[in-house]
PDB file of N, CA and C in Angstrom:
ATOM      1  N   UNK A   1     -23.038 -10.299  11.609  1.00  0.00           N
ATOM      2  CA  UNK A   1     -23.997  -9.241  11.327  1.00  0.00           C
ATOM      3  C   UNK A   1     -23.494  -8.422  10.140  1.00  0.00           C
ATOM      4  N   UNK A   2     -24.376  -8.102   9.268  1.00  0.00           N
ATOM      5  CA  UNK A   2     -24.077  -7.295   8.087  1.00  0.00           C
ATOM      6  C   UNK A   2     -23.924  -5.838   8.487  1.00  0.00           C
ATOM      7  N   UNK A   3     -22.891  -5.176   7.999  1.00  0.00           N
ATOM      8  CA  UNK A   3     -22.680  -3.758   8.294  1.00  0.00           C
ATOM      9  C   UNK A   3     -23.709  -2.915   7.559  1.00  0.00           C
ATOM     10  N   UNK A   4     -24.351  -2.043   8.287  1.00  0.00           N
ATOM     11  CA  UNK A   4     -25.353  -1.145   7.726  1.00  0.00           C
ATOM     12  C   UNK A   4     -24.641   0.089   7.189  1.00  0.00           C
ATOM     13  N   UNK A   5     -24.656   0.273   5.879  1.00  0.00           N
ATOM     14  CA  UNK A   5     -23.955   1.397   5.257  1.00  0.00           C
ATOM     15  C   UNK A   5     -24.892   2.523   4.840  1.00  0.00           C
ATOM     16  N   UNK A   6     -26.146   2.453   5.239  1.00  0.00           N
ATOM     17  CA  UNK A   6     -27.105   3.495   4.875  1.00  0.00           C
ATOM     18  C   UNK A   6     -26.783   4.769   5.647  1.00  0.00           C
ATOM     19  N   UNK A   7     -26.899   5.912   4.985  1.00  0.00           N
ATOM     20  CA  UNK A   7     -26.552   7.178   5.601  1.00  0.00           C
ATOM     21  C   UNK A   7     -27.724   8.147   5.556  1.00  0.00           C
ATOM     22  N   UNK A   8     -27.722   9.046   6.497  1.00  0.00           N
ATOM     23  CA  UNK A   8     -28.754  10.064   6.613  1.00  0.00           C
ATOM     24  C   UNK A   8     -28.471  11.194   5.626  1.00  0.00           C
ATOM     25  N   UNK A   9     -29.498  11.626   4.902  1.00  0.00           N
ATOM     26  CA  UNK A   9     -29.315  12.735   3.968  1.00  0.00           C
ATOM     27  C   UNK A   9     -29.165  14.047   4.734  1.00  0.00           C
ATOM     28  N   UNK A  10     -28.589  15.023   4.084  1.00  0.00           N
ATOM     29  CA  UNK A  10     -28.429  16.342   4.708  1.00  0.00           C
ATOM     30  C   UNK A  10     -29.788  16.967   5.013  1.00  0.00           C
ATOM     31  N   UNK A  11     -30.777  16.728   4.151  1.00  0.00           N
ATOM     32  CA  UNK A  11     -32.118  17.274   4.368  1.00  0.00           C
ATOM     33  C   UNK A  11     -32.733  16.695   5.638  1.00  0.00           C
ATOM     34  N   UNK A  12     -32.612  15.383   5.814  1.00  0.00           N
ATOM     35  CA  UNK A  12     -33.180  14.734   6.997  1.00  0.00           C
ATOM     36  C   UNK A  12     -32.414  15.173   8.247  1.00  0.00           C
ATOM     37  N   UNK A  13     -31.105  15.298   8.155  1.00  0.00           N
ATOM     38  CA  UNK A  13     -30.309  15.768   9.291  1.00  0.00           C
ATOM     39  C   UNK A  13     -30.730  17.177   9.691  1.00  0.00           C
ATOM     40  N   UNK A  14     -31.007  18.021   8.716  1.00  0.00           N
ATOM     41  CA  UNK A  14     -31.453  19.387   8.993  1.00  0.00           C
ATOM     42  C   UNK A  14     -32.810  19.396   9.701  1.00  0.00           C
ATOM     43  N   UNK A  15     -33.720  18.544   9.258  1.00  0.00           N
ATOM     44  CA  UNK A  15     -35.036  18.428   9.902  1.00  0.00           C
ATOM     45  C   UNK A  15     -34.861  17.961  11.338  1.00  0.00           C
ATOM     46  N   UNK A  16     -33.997  16.961  11.538  1.00  0.00           N
ATOM     47  CA  UNK A  16     -33.771  16.426  12.880  1.00  0.00           C
ATOM     48  C   UNK A  16     -33.220  17.501  13.816  1.00  0.00           C
ATOM     49  N   UNK A  17     -32.263  18.265  13.335  1.00  0.00           N
ATOM     50  CA  UNK A  17     -31.697  19.343  14.151  1.00  0.00           C
ATOM     51  C   UNK A  17     -32.757  20.377  14.511  1.00  0.00           C
ATOM     52  N   UNK A  18     -33.591  20.726  13.559  1.00  0.00           N
ATOM     53  CA  UNK A  18     -34.666  21.704  13.792  1.00  0.00           C
ATOM     54  C   UNK A  18     -35.617  21.200  14.872  1.00  0.00           C
ATOM     55  N   UNK A  19     -35.983  19.929  14.798  1.00  0.00           N
ATOM     56  CA  UNK A  19     -36.908  19.353  15.781  1.00  0.00           C
ATOM     57  C   UNK A  19     -36.261  19.314  17.165  1.00  0.00           C
ATOM     58  N   UNK A  20     -34.998  18.927  17.233  1.00  0.00           N
ATOM     59  CA  UNK A  20     -34.327  18.861  18.534  1.00  0.00           C
ATOM     60  C   UNK A  20     -34.239  20.223  19.216  1.00  0.00           C
ATOM     61  N   UNK A  21     -34.170  21.284  18.423  1.00  0.00           N
ATOM     62  CA  UNK A  21     -34.084  22.629  18.998  1.00  0.00           C
ATOM     63  C   UNK A  21     -35.449  23.282  19.210  1.00  0.00           C
ATOM     64  N   UNK A  22     -36.499  22.612  18.802  1.00  0.00           N
ATOM     65  CA  UNK A  22     -37.839  23.180  18.934  1.00  0.00           C
ATOM     66  C   UNK A  22     -38.413  22.923  20.323  1.00  0.00           C
ATOM     67  N   UNK A  23     -38.918  23.965  20.949  1.00  0.00           N
ATOM     68  CA  UNK A  23     -39.578  23.817  22.244  1.00  0.00           C
ATOM     69  C   UNK A  23     -40.968  23.194  22.087  1.00  0.00           C
ATOM     70  N   UNK A  24     -41.504  23.212  20.882  1.00  0.00           N
ATOM     71  CA  UNK A  24     -42.841  22.691  20.640  1.00  0.00           C
ATOM     72  C   UNK A  24     -42.853  21.217  20.240  1.00  0.00           C
ATOM     73  N   UNK A  25     -41.695  20.626  19.989  1.00  0.00           N
ATOM     74  CA  UNK A  25     -41.625  19.235  19.549  1.00  0.00           C
ATOM     75  C   UNK A  25     -41.969  18.287  20.693  1.00  0.00           C
ATOM     76  N   UNK A  26     -42.687  17.229  20.360  1.00  0.00           N
ATOM     77  CA  UNK A  26     -43.052  16.229  21.361  1.00  0.00           C
ATOM     78  C   UNK A  26     -41.853  15.340  21.688  1.00  0.00           C
ATOM     79  N   UNK A  27     -41.996  14.564  22.765  1.00  0.00           N
ATOM     80  CA  UNK A  27     -40.934  13.624  23.123  1.00  0.00           C
ATOM     81  C   UNK A  27     -40.705  12.614  21.999  1.00  0.00           C
ATOM     82  N   UNK A  28     -41.776  12.156  21.374  1.00  0.00           N
ATOM     83  CA  UNK A  28     -41.662  11.186  20.280  1.00  0.00           C
ATOM     84  C   UNK A  28     -40.877  11.789  19.119  1.00  0.00           C
ATOM     85  N   UNK A  29     -41.186  13.028  18.776  1.00  0.00           N
ATOM     86  CA  UNK A  29     -40.475  13.696  17.683  1.00  0.00           C
ATOM     87  C   UNK A  29     -38.994  13.842  18.010  1.00  0.00           C
ATOM     88  N   UNK A  30     -38.690  14.199  19.250  1.00  0.00           N
ATOM     89  CA  UNK A  30     -37.295  14.374  19.646  1.00  0.00           C
ATOM     90  C   UNK A  30     -36.552  13.037  19.680  1.00  0.00           C
ATOM     91  N   UNK A  31     -37.236  11.970  20.066  1.00  0.00           N
ATOM     92  CA  UNK A  31     -36.607  10.648  20.049  1.00  0.00           C
ATOM     93  C   UNK A  31     -36.230  10.243  18.625  1.00  0.00           C
ATOM     94  N   UNK A  32     -37.147  10.459  17.692  1.00  0.00           N
ATOM     95  CA  UNK A  32     -36.866  10.132  16.292  1.00  0.00           C
ATOM     96  C   UNK A  32     -35.718  10.987  15.753  1.00  0.00           C
ATOM     97  N   UNK A  33     -35.746  12.270  16.081  1.00  0.00           N
ATOM     98  CA  UNK A  33     -34.698  13.176  15.603  1.00  0.00           C
ATOM     99  C   UNK A  33     -33.336  12.779  16.163  1.00  0.00           C
ATOM    100  N   UNK A  34     -33.276  12.482  17.451  1.00  0.00           N
ATOM    101  CA  UNK A  34     -32.006  12.092  18.065  1.00  0.00           C
ATOM    102  C   UNK A  34     -31.481  10.796  17.463  1.00  0.00           C
ATOM    103  N   UNK A  35     -32.364   9.853  17.236  1.00  0.00           N
ATOM    104  CA  UNK A  35     -31.944   8.585  16.640  1.00  0.00           C
ATOM    105  C   UNK A  35     -31.421   8.792  15.224  1.00  0.00           C
ATOM    106  N   UNK A  36     -32.129   9.599  14.457  1.00  0.00           N
ATOM    107  CA  UNK A  36     -31.693   9.865  13.078  1.00  0.00           C
ATOM    108  C   UNK A  36     -30.309  10.506  13.069  1.00  0.00           C
ATOM    109  N   UNK A  37     -30.083  11.473  13.944  1.00  0.00           N
ATOM    110  CA  UNK A  37     -28.780  12.130  13.987  1.00  0.00           C
ATOM    111  C   UNK A  37     -27.687  11.193  14.490  1.00  0.00           C
ATOM    112  N   UNK A  38     -28.008  10.322  15.414  1.00  0.00           N
ATOM    113  CA  UNK A  38     -26.987   9.387  15.902  1.00  0.00           C
ATOM    114  C   UNK A  38     -26.559   8.454  14.783  1.00  0.00           C
ATOM    115  N   UNK A  39     -27.461   8.134  13.890  1.00  0.00           N
ATOM    116  CA  UNK A  39     -27.143   7.283  12.742  1.00  0.00           C
ATOM    117  C   UNK A  39     -26.272   8.026  11.732  1.00  0.00           C
ATOM    118  N   UNK A  40     -26.371   9.338  11.698  1.00  0.00           N
ATOM    119  CA  UNK A  40     -25.589  10.086  10.717  1.00  0.00           C
ATOM    120  C   UNK A  40     -24.100  10.033  11.036  1.00  0.00           C
ATOM    121  N   UNK A  41     -23.755   9.837  12.292  1.00  0.00           N
ATOM    122  CA  UNK A  41     -22.349   9.802  12.693  1.00  0.00           C
ATOM    123  C   UNK A  41     -21.813   8.389  12.894  1.00  0.00           C
ATOM    124  N   UNK A  42     -22.698   7.390  12.955  1.00  0.00           N
ATOM    125  CA  UNK A  42     -22.267   6.030  13.240  1.00  0.00           C
ATOM    126  C   UNK A  42     -23.158   5.060  12.482  1.00  0.00           C
ATOM    127  N   UNK A  43     -22.717   4.626  11.332  1.00  0.00           N
ATOM    128  CA  UNK A  43     -23.544   3.759  10.495  1.00  0.00           C
ATOM    129  C   UNK A  43     -23.702   2.362  11.064  1.00  0.00           C
ATOM    130  N   UNK A  44     -22.959   2.016  12.129  1.00  0.00           N
ATOM    131  CA  UNK A  44     -23.099   0.703  12.749  1.00  0.00           C
ATOM    132  C   UNK A  44     -24.224   0.680  13.776  1.00  0.00           C
ATOM    133  N   UNK A  45     -24.801   1.828  14.102  1.00  0.00           N
ATOM    134  CA  UNK A  45     -25.857   1.904  15.095  1.00  0.00           C
ATOM    135  C   UNK A  45     -27.167   1.395  14.512  1.00  0.00           C
ATOM    136  N   UNK A  46     -27.842   0.534  15.265  1.00  0.00           N
ATOM    137  CA  UNK A  46     -29.156   0.053  14.863  1.00  0.00           C
ATOM    138  C   UNK A  46     -30.186   0.762  15.736  1.00  0.00           C
ATOM    139  N   UNK A  47     -31.313   1.128  15.179  1.00  0.00           N
ATOM    140  CA  UNK A  47     -32.273   1.952  15.903  1.00  0.00           C
ATOM    141  C   UNK A  47     -33.041   1.199  16.985  1.00  0.00           C
ATOM    142  N   UNK A  48     -33.187  -0.080  16.892  1.00  0.00           N
ATOM    143  CA  UNK A  48     -33.887  -0.841  17.920  1.00  0.00           C
ATOM    144  C   UNK A  48     -35.364  -0.978  17.626  1.00  0.00           C
ATOM    145  N   UNK A  49     -35.913  -2.065  18.123  1.00  0.00           N
ATOM    146  CA  UNK A  49     -37.300  -2.405  17.806  1.00  0.00           C
ATOM    147  C   UNK A  49     -38.304  -1.401  18.383  1.00  0.00           C
ATOM    148  N   UNK A  50     -38.004  -0.850  19.563  1.00  0.00           N
ATOM    149  CA  UNK A  50     -38.952   0.103  20.168  1.00  0.00           C
ATOM    150  C   UNK A  50     -39.057   1.368  19.331  1.00  0.00           C
ATOM    151  N   UNK A  51     -37.917   1.866  18.909  1.00  0.00           N
ATOM    152  CA  UNK A  51     -37.918   3.092  18.104  1.00  0.00           C
ATOM    153  C   UNK A  51     -38.536   2.841  16.736  1.00  0.00           C
ATOM    154  N   UNK A  52     -38.282   1.675  16.174  1.00  0.00           N
ATOM    155  CA  UNK A  52     -38.893   1.339  14.888  1.00  0.00           C
ATOM    156  C   UNK A  52     -40.411   1.208  15.024  1.00  0.00           C
ATOM    157  N   UNK A  53     -40.877   0.715  16.167  1.00  0.00           N
ATOM    158  CA  UNK A  53     -42.317   0.666  16.430  1.00  0.00           C
ATOM    159  C   UNK A  53     -42.912   2.065  16.515  1.00  0.00           C
ATOM    160  N   UNK A  54     -42.199   2.964  17.196  1.00  0.00           N
ATOM    161  CA  UNK A  54     -42.639   4.361  17.275  1.00  0.00           C
ATOM    162  C   UNK A  54     -42.680   4.978  15.887  1.00  0.00           C
ATOM    163  N   UNK A  55     -41.655   4.740  15.094  1.00  0.00           N
ATOM    164  CA  UNK A  55     -41.609   5.291  13.737  1.00  0.00           C
ATOM    165  C   UNK A  55     -42.789   4.793  12.915  1.00  0.00           C
ATOM    166  N   UNK A  56     -43.114   3.525  13.050  1.00  0.00           N
ATOM    167  CA  UNK A  56     -44.250   2.950  12.329  1.00  0.00           C
ATOM    168  C   UNK A  56     -45.561   3.610  12.756  1.00  0.00           C
ATOM    169  N   UNK A  57     -45.712   3.825  14.053  1.00  0.00           N
ATOM    170  CA  UNK A  57     -46.915   4.485  14.579  1.00  0.00           C
ATOM    171  C   UNK A  57     -47.034   5.909  14.047  1.00  0.00           C
ATOM    172  N   UNK A  58     -45.923   6.626  14.035  1.00  0.00           N
ATOM    173  CA  UNK A  58     -45.904   8.013  13.539  1.00  0.00           C
ATOM    174  C   UNK A  58     -46.343   8.052  12.077  1.00  0.00           C
ATOM    175  N   UNK A  59     -45.847   7.137  11.281  1.00  0.00           N
ATOM    176  CA  UNK A  59     -46.199   7.132   9.854  1.00  0.00           C
ATOM    177  C   UNK A  59     -47.682   6.887   9.619  1.00  0.00           C
ATOM    178  N   UNK A  60     -48.315   6.148  10.500  1.00  0.00           N
ATOM    179  CA  UNK A  60     -49.742   5.838  10.329  1.00  0.00           C
ATOM    180  C   UNK A  60     -50.667   6.880  10.950  1.00  0.00           C
ATOM    181  N   UNK A  61     -50.115   7.777  11.746  1.00  0.00           N
ATOM    182  CA  UNK A  61     -50.929   8.735  12.485  1.00  0.00           C
ATOM    183  C   UNK A  61     -51.096  10.055  11.730  1.00  0.00           C
ATOM    184  N   UNK A  62     -52.315  10.597  11.721  1.00  0.00           N
ATOM    185  CA  UNK A  62     -52.519  11.917  11.111  1.00  0.00           C
ATOM    186  C   UNK A  62     -52.037  13.053  12.022  1.00  0.00           C
ATOM    187  N   UNK A  63     -51.659  12.727  13.238  1.00  0.00           N
ATOM    188  CA  UNK A  63     -51.291  13.718  14.248  1.00  0.00           C
ATOM    189  C   UNK A  63     -49.939  14.376  13.987  1.00  0.00           C
ATOM    190  N   UNK A  64     -49.033  13.680  13.300  1.00  0.00           N
ATOM    191  CA  UNK A  64     -47.664  14.167  13.152  1.00  0.00           C
ATOM    192  C   UNK A  64     -47.466  14.924  11.847  1.00  0.00           C
ATOM    193  N   UNK A  65     -46.514  15.847  11.873  1.00  0.00           N
ATOM    194  CA  UNK A  65     -46.207  16.676  10.702  1.00  0.00           C
ATOM    195  C   UNK A  65     -45.477  15.865   9.634  1.00  0.00           C
ATOM    196  N   UNK A  66     -45.433  16.411   8.443  1.00  0.00           N
ATOM    197  CA  UNK A  66     -44.696  15.776   7.349  1.00  0.00           C
ATOM    198  C   UNK A  66     -43.219  15.633   7.704  1.00  0.00           C
ATOM    199  N   UNK A  67     -42.654  16.635   8.376  1.00  0.00           N
ATOM    200  CA  UNK A  67     -41.243  16.561   8.761  1.00  0.00           C
ATOM    201  C   UNK A  67     -40.993  15.392   9.712  1.00  0.00           C
ATOM    202  N   UNK A  68     -41.892  15.201  10.672  1.00  0.00           N
ATOM    203  CA  UNK A  68     -41.746  14.089  11.614  1.00  0.00           C
ATOM    204  C   UNK A  68     -41.882  12.759  10.886  1.00  0.00           C
ATOM    205  N   UNK A  69     -42.767  12.717   9.908  1.00  0.00           N
ATOM    206  CA  UNK A  69     -42.936  11.482   9.134  1.00  0.00           C
ATOM    207  C   UNK A  69     -41.708  11.196   8.269  1.00  0.00           C
ATOM    208  N   UNK A  70     -41.041  12.233   7.803  1.00  0.00           N
ATOM    209  CA  UNK A  70     -39.792  12.037   7.068  1.00  0.00           C
ATOM    210  C   UNK A  70     -38.754  11.388   7.984  1.00  0.00           C
ATOM    211  N   UNK A  71     -38.655  11.871   9.216  1.00  0.00           N
ATOM    212  CA  UNK A  71     -37.723  11.269  10.172  1.00  0.00           C
ATOM    213  C   UNK A  71     -38.096   9.817  10.455  1.00  0.00           C
ATOM    214  N   UNK A  72     -39.376   9.563  10.662  1.00  0.00           N
ATOM    215  CA  UNK A  72     -39.833   8.199  10.949  1.00  0.00           C
ATOM    216  C   UNK A  72     -39.496   7.265   9.791  1.00  0.00           C
ATOM    217  N   UNK A  73     -39.742   7.720   8.587  1.00  0.00           N
ATOM    218  CA  UNK A  73     -39.410   6.916   7.414  1.00  0.00           C
ATOM    219  C   UNK A  73     -37.920   6.665   7.320  1.00  0.00           C
ATOM    220  N   UNK A  74     -37.128   7.665   7.665  1.00  0.00           N
ATOM    221  CA  UNK A  74     -35.675   7.520   7.620  1.00  0.00           C
ATOM    222  C   UNK A  74     -35.214   6.464   8.621  1.00  0.00           C
ATOM    223  N   UNK A  75     -35.816   6.454   9.789  1.00  0.00           N
ATOM    224  CA  UNK A  75     -35.466   5.453  10.815  1.00  0.00           C
ATOM    225  C   UNK A  75     -35.743   4.049  10.277  1.00  0.00           C
ATOM    226  N   UNK A  76     -36.906   3.875   9.673  1.00  0.00           N
ATOM    227  CA  UNK A  76     -37.271   2.550   9.159  1.00  0.00           C
ATOM    228  C   UNK A  76     -36.401   2.131   7.984  1.00  0.00           C
ATOM    229  N   UNK A  77     -36.092   3.059   7.094  1.00  0.00           N
ATOM    230  CA  UNK A  77     -35.274   2.733   5.945  1.00  0.00           C
ATOM    231  C   UNK A  77     -33.841   2.364   6.361  1.00  0.00           C
ATOM    232  N   UNK A  78     -33.356   2.992   7.402  1.00  0.00           N
ATOM    233  CA  UNK A  78     -31.992   2.740   7.866  1.00  0.00           C
ATOM    234  C   UNK A  78     -31.871   1.457   8.679  1.00  0.00           C
ATOM    235  N   UNK A  79     -32.975   0.862   9.022  1.00  0.00           N
ATOM    236  CA  UNK A  79     -32.950  -0.329   9.866  1.00  0.00           C
ATOM    237  C   UNK A  79     -32.149  -1.461   9.234  1.00  0.00           C
ATOM    238  N   UNK A  80     -31.367  -2.138  10.050  1.00  0.00           N
ATOM    239  CA  UNK A  80     -30.639  -3.317   9.587  1.00  0.00           C
ATOM    240  C   UNK A  80     -31.601  -4.445   9.219  1.00  0.00           C
ATOM    241  N   UNK A  81     -32.774  -4.429   9.788  1.00  0.00           N
ATOM    242  CA  UNK A  81     -33.749  -5.470   9.517  1.00  0.00           C
ATOM    243  C   UNK A  81     -34.261  -5.414   8.088  1.00  0.00           C
ATOM    244  N   UNK A  82     -34.078  -4.255   7.448  1.00  0.00           N
ATOM    245  CA  UNK A  82     -34.524  -4.092   6.066  1.00  0.00           C
ATOM    246  C   UNK A  82     -33.521  -4.685   5.070  1.00  0.00           C
ATOM    247  N   UNK A  83     -32.388  -5.115   5.557  1.00  0.00           N
ATOM    248  CA  UNK A  83     -31.350  -5.651   4.666  1.00  0.00           C
ATOM    249  C   UNK A  83     -31.670  -7.052   4.220  1.00  0.00           C
TER     250      UNK A  83
END
């Protein structure tokens, strides 16, 4: 398996932290935020097909905020499958 060396930007990490601390964030938003932050500390972690499916759904939906879509895009870009 190829080592995934992609890293989370400070801006995306900040968005993820904000969402995790928000009482108004949905479960989907918190899942994306937690996954993004877990990748920031461990570049060998792969997000998994279920989370990547959620990220894809979020990107296509008008329901989610721009910040949530940034997290979703980050999850997809960090995927080992994109290598």
